[in-house]
Amino acid sequence: MQPARLGAFWFGIQVVWTSVLGVILQDRVSALSAQPVRDYALMAAIGAGLAAVIQIAAGLLSDRFRSRSGDRRAFYRAGVLVAVPGLIAVTAVPSIGWLWVALLALQVGMNVAGGPYQAIVGDYVAASHVGRASGWMSINQFAGSVTGLVLTIVLHGAALGVALAVCLIAGWWLTDSYVATRAPVPYVRAPLLLSSDAWTVIVSRGLINVGFYTLFGFLFFFVRESLGIVDARSATGILFLVFTIAGVGGAALAGAPADRIDKRVVVSIAAAAIALAVGVFAAAPSFPIAIVCALGAGAAWGAFFTADWAIAYAVLPRAALASAMGVWNLAAAIAQVAAPAITEPLVRAADLRRAGLGPRLALVCVIVEFGLGTLCLWRVKLR
């Protein structure tokens, strides 16, 4: 088993989403719209809602397809074909209207592929090894995020879109060509039935991801307004780069403990570390202090992500895994809608009181949301 190649497509997916959702979308909206915070929040919410619907539909269809053909590779190929032109267009279109079209096309393609792909560990890895395999998924995620941010810092316009597309295609090819040679785990499709533990994990993931997408979506505005940095695009990219490099280490370290000890302990330690780092981050008076906070938060997020995947594979039904993963990922998609919807009015109201206060308040919301999600997870009964 080569778990690095199994997760290579996740690398390509994260190259794209980290760059687009972390920096490109905010930057493009700021350049093309007279009300960037409002339009960013609207785009993020509608795009995430579309992603949720597509992921569940693609998951259900791919479970049926796998029971007949043995794998889900056709969904990966179709998604990449749709996503690539949308991705390049997002970086180059000249108006806010065309940015809407490009972003929606990108969401369709990425989620047709990404929804079914999230079941790949369950498709090819025995239950006793999912912790380590989840660790490799996390490593690929954070390595992809690092690559996406580096490309975002050094490239602009259509050249950036082409580079991101190359990474997506390369990741897909490495995974697709590898699983073509592997025999999947025996599979008998069954109706999707989620236990109370599965629903608890989904709710917990939703709350924690509201915190993550609040941080992810409003960091650009924190850098520009609260820290007063003129080149907010590059500074935000650097902060996310530090965050994600640290995440690779956290993900690698958490893989073995996620197989040996209570996975909720790993998540709780990681969430506490994130809350501490983000709390200092919210009060940061300067960019160097913000970098130190990003380092601590990134390592903790990497550990959390590994344990989160391992818990999901432990409680979700393998007989309808892509469908279940679609619902599980619905928590992240709803979080993308909820985070800007909840936070944007608070940011706007706080900024009316004092310029730059709003983005700092958004970071305080991150701490609360992580804490609620972690407490919820302790209701899960894990064997």
Protein backbone atom coordinates (compact mmCIF):
# COMPACT_ATOMS: atom_id res chain seq x y z
CA MET A 1 0.00 0.00 0.00
CA GLN A 2 1.24 3.47 -0.94
CA PRO A 3 -0.93 5.85 1.11
CA ALA A 4 0.95 8.86 -0.24
CA ARG A 5 -0.31 8.12 -3.77
CA LEU A 6 -3.74 7.22 -2.45
CA GLY A 7 -3.94 10.75 -1.06
CA ALA A 8 -2.25 12.54 -3.97
CA PHE A 9 -5.55 13.73 -5.44
CA TRP A 10 -6.35 15.29 -2.05
CA PHE A 11 -3.07 17.20 -2.46
CA GLY A 12 -4.28 18.64 -5.77
CA ILE A 13 -7.72 19.47 -4.38
CA GLN A 14 -6.18 21.35 -1.45
CA VAL A 15 -3.78 23.25 -3.70
CA VAL A 16 -6.86 24.66 -5.42
CA TRP A 17 -9.15 25.33 -2.47
CA THR A 18 -6.50 26.83 -0.20
CA SER A 19 -5.48 29.29 -2.88
CA VAL A 20 -9.00 30.14 -4.07
CA LEU A 21 -10.84 30.33 -0.74
CA GLY A 22 -7.92 31.62 1.31
CA VAL A 23 -6.65 34.46 -0.88
CA ILE A 24 -7.76 34.56 -4.53
CA LEU A 25 -11.51 34.97 -3.99
CA GLN A 26 -11.10 37.79 -1.46
CA ASP A 27 -8.48 39.48 -3.61
CA ARG A 28 -10.55 39.23 -6.80
CA VAL A 29 -13.72 40.46 -5.09
CA SER A 30 -11.78 43.37 -3.59
CA ALA A 31 -10.56 44.31 -7.07
CA LEU A 32 -13.91 43.90 -8.85
CA SER A 33 -16.54 44.94 -6.28
CA ALA A 34 -17.40 48.18 -4.50
CA GLN A 35 -18.53 46.18 -1.42
CA PRO A 36 -15.99 43.37 -1.12
CA VAL A 37 -16.87 42.00 2.35
CA ARG A 38 -20.55 41.71 1.45
CA ASP A 39 -19.90 40.13 -1.95
CA TYR A 40 -17.27 37.76 -0.55
CA ALA A 41 -19.68 36.54 2.14
CA LEU A 42 -22.42 36.01 -0.47
CA MET A 43 -20.14 34.13 -2.88
CA ALA A 44 -18.72 31.94 -0.13
CA ALA A 45 -22.17 31.07 1.20
CA ILE A 46 -23.79 30.26 -2.16
CA GLY A 47 -20.75 28.35 -3.39
CA ALA A 48 -20.69 26.23 -0.25
CA GLY A 49 -24.42 25.53 -0.50
CA LEU A 50 -23.98 24.33 -4.08
CA ALA A 51 -21.02 22.21 -2.97
CA ALA A 52 -23.10 20.51 -0.29
CA VAL A 53 -25.86 19.51 -2.71
CA ILE A 54 -23.42 18.22 -5.34
CA GLN A 55 -21.30 16.25 -2.87
CA ILE A 56 -24.30 14.35 -1.48
CA ALA A 57 -25.70 13.63 -4.93
CA ALA A 58 -22.30 12.53 -6.27
CA GLY A 59 -21.72 10.37 -3.19
CA LEU A 60 -25.01 8.52 -3.62
CA LEU A 61 -24.39 7.96 -7.33
CA SER A 62 -20.80 6.84 -6.76
CA ASP A 63 -21.87 4.26 -4.15
CA ARG A 64 -24.15 2.71 -6.77
CA PHE A 65 -21.43 2.98 -9.40
CA ARG A 66 -18.87 1.29 -7.12
CA SER A 67 -21.19 -1.63 -6.44
CA ARG A 68 -21.42 -2.25 -10.20
CA SER A 69 -18.00 -1.29 -11.56
CA GLY A 70 -15.73 -1.71 -8.52
CA ASP A 71 -14.42 1.86 -8.21
CA ARG A 72 -15.34 5.55 -8.44
CA ARG A 73 -12.65 6.73 -10.85
CA ALA A 74 -15.11 8.02 -13.46
CA PHE A 75 -16.27 10.70 -11.01
CA TYR A 76 -12.70 11.87 -10.46
CA ARG A 77 -12.13 12.28 -14.20
CA ALA A 78 -15.42 14.06 -14.89
CA GLY A 79 -14.90 16.50 -12.03
CA VAL A 80 -11.40 17.46 -13.14
CA LEU A 81 -12.59 18.12 -16.70
CA VAL A 82 -15.19 20.61 -15.45
CA ALA A 83 -13.04 22.18 -12.72
CA VAL A 84 -9.95 23.09 -14.76
CA PRO A 85 -11.49 25.75 -17.06
CA GLY A 86 -13.46 27.23 -14.14
CA LEU A 87 -10.28 27.44 -12.06
CA ILE A 88 -8.32 29.31 -14.72
CA ALA A 89 -11.26 31.66 -15.30
CA VAL A 90 -11.53 32.57 -11.58
CA THR A 91 -8.04 34.08 -11.73
CA ALA A 92 -8.53 36.04 -14.97
CA VAL A 93 -12.15 37.17 -15.54
CA PRO A 94 -12.67 40.96 -15.84
CA SER A 95 -15.95 41.50 -13.96
CA ILE A 96 -17.83 40.40 -10.84
CA GLY A 97 -20.52 38.73 -12.99
CA TRP A 98 -18.01 36.50 -14.77
CA LEU A 99 -16.36 35.76 -11.42
CA TRP A 100 -19.69 34.35 -10.25
CA VAL A 101 -19.91 32.11 -13.33
CA ALA A 102 -16.34 30.87 -12.98
CA LEU A 103 -16.66 30.18 -9.25
CA LEU A 104 -19.88 28.17 -9.67
CA ALA A 105 -18.32 26.09 -12.46
CA LEU A 106 -15.33 25.42 -10.23
CA GLN A 107 -17.61 24.33 -7.38
CA VAL A 108 -19.47 21.89 -9.65
CA GLY A 109 -16.33 20.22 -10.98
CA MET A 110 -14.41 20.05 -7.72
CA ASN A 111 -17.32 18.53 -5.80
CA VAL A 112 -18.30 15.99 -8.44
CA ALA A 113 -14.76 14.66 -7.97
CA GLY A 114 -14.16 15.49 -4.32
CA GLY A 115 -17.36 14.04 -2.85
CA PRO A 116 -16.77 10.46 -4.04
CA TYR A 117 -13.02 10.76 -3.53
CA GLN A 118 -13.40 11.25 0.22
CA ALA A 119 -14.36 7.57 0.50
CA ILE A 120 -11.02 6.41 -0.91
CA VAL A 121 -9.49 5.33 2.42
CA GLY A 122 -12.51 3.17 3.18
CA ASP A 123 -12.41 1.80 -0.37
CA TYR A 124 -8.79 0.60 -0.24
CA VAL A 125 -7.58 0.47 3.42
CA ALA A 126 -8.39 -2.11 6.11
CA ALA A 127 -10.10 -0.76 9.24
CA SER A 128 -7.04 -1.43 11.43
CA HIS A 129 -4.89 0.99 9.41
CA VAL A 130 -7.22 3.94 8.86
CA GLY A 131 -5.42 6.11 11.44
CA ARG A 132 -2.15 6.02 9.51
CA ALA A 133 -3.93 6.36 6.18
CA SER A 134 -5.83 9.35 7.58
CA GLY A 135 -2.47 10.78 8.61
CA TRP A 136 -1.32 10.60 5.00
CA MET A 137 -4.53 12.27 3.84
CA SER A 138 -3.74 15.07 6.30
CA ILE A 139 -0.13 15.30 5.12
CA ASN A 140 -1.31 15.58 1.53
CA GLN A 141 -3.86 18.18 2.56
CA PHE A 142 -1.33 20.40 4.26
CA ALA A 143 1.36 19.84 1.62
CA GLY A 144 -1.22 20.88 -0.98
CA SER A 145 -2.10 23.95 1.05
CA VAL A 146 1.58 24.93 1.28
CA THR A 147 1.98 24.53 -2.48
CA GLY A 148 -1.17 26.52 -3.19
CA LEU A 149 -0.07 29.38 -0.99
CA VAL A 150 3.44 29.50 -2.45
CA LEU A 151 1.96 29.67 -5.94
CA THR A 152 -0.45 32.38 -4.80
CA ILE A 153 2.39 34.49 -3.42
CA VAL A 154 4.67 34.22 -6.47
CA LEU A 155 2.15 34.12 -9.37
CA HIS A 156 -0.78 36.29 -10.44
CA GLY A 157 -3.62 36.21 -12.95
CA ALA A 158 -4.06 33.43 -15.49
CA ALA A 159 -0.52 32.13 -14.84
CA LEU A 160 -1.60 31.31 -11.29
CA GLY A 161 -4.76 29.59 -12.55
CA VAL A 162 -2.76 27.41 -14.95
CA ALA A 163 -0.28 26.44 -12.22
CA LEU A 164 -3.11 25.46 -9.86
CA ALA A 165 -4.74 23.43 -12.63
CA VAL A 166 -1.48 21.55 -13.30
CA CYS A 167 -1.29 20.56 -9.62
CA LEU A 168 -4.90 19.37 -9.65
CA ILE A 169 -4.36 17.26 -12.77
CA ALA A 170 -1.08 15.81 -11.46
CA GLY A 171 -2.66 14.82 -8.13
CA TRP A 172 -5.59 13.19 -9.90
CA TRP A 173 -3.30 11.24 -12.24
CA LEU A 174 -1.08 9.92 -9.42
CA THR A 175 -4.09 8.61 -7.51
CA ASP A 176 -6.08 7.39 -10.50
CA SER A 177 -3.18 5.45 -12.03
CA TYR A 178 -2.36 3.89 -8.64
CA VAL A 179 -5.85 2.70 -7.66
CA ALA A 180 -6.26 1.24 -11.16
CA THR A 181 -3.73 -1.41 -10.03
CA ARG A 182 -5.27 -2.03 -6.59
CA ALA A 183 -8.06 -4.37 -5.55
CA PRO A 184 -10.56 -2.44 -3.42
CA VAL A 185 -11.85 -3.66 -0.06
CA PRO A 186 -14.85 -6.02 -0.59
CA TYR A 187 -17.99 -3.96 -0.79
CA VAL A 188 -21.71 -4.63 -0.60
CA ARG A 189 -23.82 -1.53 -0.97
CA ALA A 190 -26.53 -0.90 1.61
CA PRO A 191 -28.98 1.94 2.27
CA LEU A 192 -27.51 4.93 4.05
CA LEU A 193 -28.31 4.65 7.78
CA LEU A 194 -26.49 6.97 10.17
CA SER A 195 -26.21 6.13 13.87
CA SER A 196 -26.57 8.69 16.65
CA ASP A 197 -22.78 8.66 17.01
CA ALA A 198 -22.40 9.44 13.32
CA TRP A 199 -24.78 12.40 13.62
CA THR A 200 -22.90 13.65 16.69
CA VAL A 201 -19.61 13.54 14.76
CA ILE A 202 -21.24 15.44 11.90
CA VAL A 203 -22.57 18.17 14.23
CA SER A 204 -19.19 18.42 15.98
CA ARG A 205 -17.39 18.72 12.67
CA GLY A 206 -19.80 21.43 11.59
CA LEU A 207 -19.18 23.56 14.67
CA ILE A 208 -15.40 23.21 14.45
CA ASN A 209 -15.43 24.00 10.73
CA VAL A 210 -17.48 27.14 11.33
CA GLY A 211 -14.49 28.23 13.40
CA PHE A 212 -12.02 27.20 10.72
CA TYR A 213 -13.85 28.97 7.88
CA THR A 214 -14.27 32.07 10.02
CA LEU A 215 -10.49 32.14 10.40
CA PHE A 216 -9.95 31.17 6.76
CA GLY A 217 -12.38 33.70 5.32
CA PHE A 218 -11.67 36.76 7.46
CA LEU A 219 -7.89 36.53 7.91
CA PHE A 220 -7.35 38.63 4.76
CA PHE A 221 -9.47 41.42 6.25
CA PHE A 222 -7.70 41.05 9.64
CA VAL A 223 -4.34 41.54 7.96
CA ARG A 224 -5.53 44.51 5.91
CA GLU A 225 -7.67 46.33 8.48
CA SER A 226 -6.50 45.24 11.95
CA LEU A 227 -2.76 44.95 11.30
CA GLY A 228 -2.80 47.76 8.72
CA ILE A 229 -0.61 45.94 6.17
CA VAL A 230 -0.82 47.49 2.70
CA ASP A 231 0.08 44.33 0.73
CA ALA A 232 -2.57 42.21 2.49
CA ARG A 233 -2.58 39.64 -0.32
CA SER A 234 1.04 38.62 0.18
CA ALA A 235 0.93 38.91 3.98
CA THR A 236 -2.16 36.68 4.17
CA GLY A 237 -0.48 34.16 1.91
CA ILE A 238 2.58 34.11 4.19
CA LEU A 239 0.44 33.56 7.31
CA PHE A 240 -1.43 30.69 5.68
CA LEU A 241 1.87 29.28 4.45
CA VAL A 242 3.27 29.19 8.00
CA PHE A 243 -0.02 27.71 9.23
CA THR A 244 0.00 24.92 6.67
CA ILE A 245 3.70 24.02 6.94
CA ALA A 246 3.17 23.57 10.67
CA GLY A 247 0.06 21.52 9.85
CA VAL A 248 2.13 18.92 7.97
CA GLY A 249 4.10 18.23 11.14
CA GLY A 250 1.00 18.08 13.31
CA ALA A 251 -0.73 15.71 10.89
CA ALA A 252 2.28 13.36 10.73
CA LEU A 253 2.64 13.22 14.52
CA ALA A 254 -1.06 12.52 15.12
CA GLY A 255 -1.41 9.47 12.81
CA ALA A 256 -0.02 6.81 15.17
CA PRO A 257 -1.74 8.17 18.34
CA ALA A 258 -5.05 8.20 16.44
CA ASP A 259 -4.70 4.41 16.03
CA ARG A 260 -3.54 3.75 19.64
CA ILE A 261 -5.46 6.07 21.98
CA ASP A 262 -8.89 7.65 22.23
CA LYS A 263 -9.19 9.83 19.13
CA ARG A 264 -11.26 12.36 21.08
CA VAL A 265 -8.25 13.07 23.28
CA VAL A 266 -6.20 13.94 20.20
CA VAL A 267 -8.96 16.26 18.95
CA SER A 268 -9.40 17.92 22.36
CA ILE A 269 -5.69 18.65 22.80
CA ALA A 270 -5.53 20.04 19.27
CA ALA A 271 -8.62 22.22 19.73
CA ALA A 272 -7.29 23.65 23.01
CA ALA A 273 -3.99 24.52 21.34
CA ILE A 274 -5.82 26.19 18.45
CA ALA A 275 -7.96 28.25 20.85
CA LEU A 276 -4.87 29.46 22.71
CA ALA A 277 -3.01 30.38 19.52
CA VAL A 278 -6.00 32.15 17.97
CA GLY A 279 -6.67 34.04 21.21
CA VAL A 280 -3.17 35.51 21.13
CA PHE A 281 -3.60 36.04 17.38
CA ALA A 282 -6.73 38.16 17.93
CA ALA A 283 -4.79 40.53 20.18
CA ALA A 284 -1.63 40.52 18.04
CA PRO A 285 -0.25 44.06 17.62
CA SER A 286 2.16 43.16 14.83
CA PHE A 287 2.79 40.82 11.94
CA PRO A 288 5.71 38.89 13.58
CA ILE A 289 3.52 37.93 16.55
CA ALA A 290 0.80 36.85 14.12
CA ILE A 291 3.31 34.52 12.42
CA VAL A 292 4.18 32.82 15.74
CA CYS A 293 0.46 32.31 16.44
CA ALA A 294 -0.08 30.89 12.95
CA LEU A 295 2.70 28.35 13.59
CA GLY A 296 1.06 27.02 16.78
CA ALA A 297 -2.45 27.00 15.34
CA GLY A 298 -1.30 25.19 12.19
CA ALA A 299 0.39 22.34 14.06
CA ALA A 300 -2.70 21.85 16.20
CA TRP A 301 -5.01 21.94 13.16
CA GLY A 302 -2.94 19.23 11.46
CA ALA A 303 -3.35 16.94 14.49
CA PHE A 304 -7.07 17.70 14.63
CA PHE A 305 -7.60 16.95 10.96
CA THR A 306 -5.94 13.52 11.22
CA ALA A 307 -8.03 12.49 14.23
CA ASP A 308 -11.20 13.89 12.65
CA TRP A 309 -10.80 11.69 9.56
CA ALA A 310 -10.01 8.65 11.73
CA ILE A 311 -13.15 9.21 13.84
CA ALA A 312 -15.27 9.56 10.72
CA TYR A 313 -14.04 6.24 9.31
CA ALA A 314 -14.67 4.62 12.71
CA VAL A 315 -18.35 5.62 12.97
CA LEU A 316 -19.63 6.02 9.39
CA PRO A 317 -21.12 2.95 7.64
CA ARG A 318 -18.69 1.39 5.15
CA ALA A 319 -21.52 -0.13 3.12
CA ALA A 320 -22.59 3.37 2.01
CA LEU A 321 -19.35 5.20 2.64
CA ALA A 322 -19.32 7.83 -0.11
CA SER A 323 -22.94 8.74 0.68
CA ALA A 324 -22.07 8.95 4.38
CA MET A 325 -18.94 10.97 3.65
CA GLY A 326 -21.07 13.33 1.58
CA VAL A 327 -23.31 13.94 4.59
CA TRP A 328 -20.24 14.16 6.85
CA ASN A 329 -18.71 16.74 4.55
CA LEU A 330 -22.06 18.54 4.52
CA ALA A 331 -20.96 19.76 7.95
CA ALA A 332 -17.97 21.50 6.35
CA ALA A 333 -20.09 22.85 3.48
CA ILE A 334 -22.74 24.26 5.84
CA ALA A 335 -19.92 25.73 7.90
CA GLN A 336 -18.72 27.63 4.81
CA VAL A 337 -22.23 29.11 4.56
CA ALA A 338 -22.64 29.74 8.27
CA ALA A 339 -19.23 31.28 8.95
CA PRO A 340 -19.63 34.37 6.72
CA ALA A 341 -23.37 34.61 7.45
CA ILE A 342 -22.74 34.74 11.22
CA THR A 343 -19.52 36.70 11.21
CA GLU A 344 -20.02 39.37 8.50
CA PRO A 345 -22.72 41.32 10.42
CA LEU A 346 -20.60 41.21 13.59
CA VAL A 347 -17.51 42.40 11.72
CA ARG A 348 -19.42 45.24 10.07
CA ALA A 349 -21.01 46.38 13.35
CA ALA A 350 -17.71 46.26 15.26
CA ASP A 351 -15.88 48.17 12.51
CA LEU A 352 -18.44 50.97 12.86
CA ARG A 353 -17.36 51.31 16.50
CA ARG A 354 -13.62 51.22 15.73
CA ALA A 355 -11.80 50.52 12.47
CA GLY A 356 -10.10 47.12 12.52
CA LEU A 357 -12.06 45.82 15.53
CA GLY A 358 -14.34 43.63 13.40
CA PRO A 359 -11.73 41.13 12.15
CA ARG A 360 -10.35 40.77 15.70
CA LEU A 361 -13.86 39.93 16.91
CA ALA A 362 -14.08 37.32 14.14
CA LEU A 363 -11.05 35.55 15.65
CA VAL A 364 -12.73 35.50 19.08
CA CYS A 365 -15.68 33.74 17.42
CA VAL A 366 -13.22 31.08 16.19
CA ILE A 367 -12.31 30.17 19.80
CA VAL A 368 -15.96 29.79 20.85
CA GLU A 369 -16.83 27.64 17.83
CA PHE A 370 -13.88 25.29 18.31
CA GLY A 371 -14.74 24.84 21.98
CA LEU A 372 -18.39 23.96 21.28
CA GLY A 373 -17.43 21.45 18.59
CA THR A 374 -14.90 19.70 20.80
CA LEU A 375 -17.33 19.39 23.73
CA CYS A 376 -19.94 17.91 21.41
CA LEU A 377 -17.49 15.22 20.24
CA TRP A 378 -17.24 13.71 23.73
CA ARG A 379 -20.81 12.39 23.34
CA VAL A 380 -19.55 9.90 20.74
CA LYS A 381 -19.05 6.29 21.85
CA LEU A 382 -15.91 4.91 20.21
CA ARG A 383 -14.83 1.27 20.40
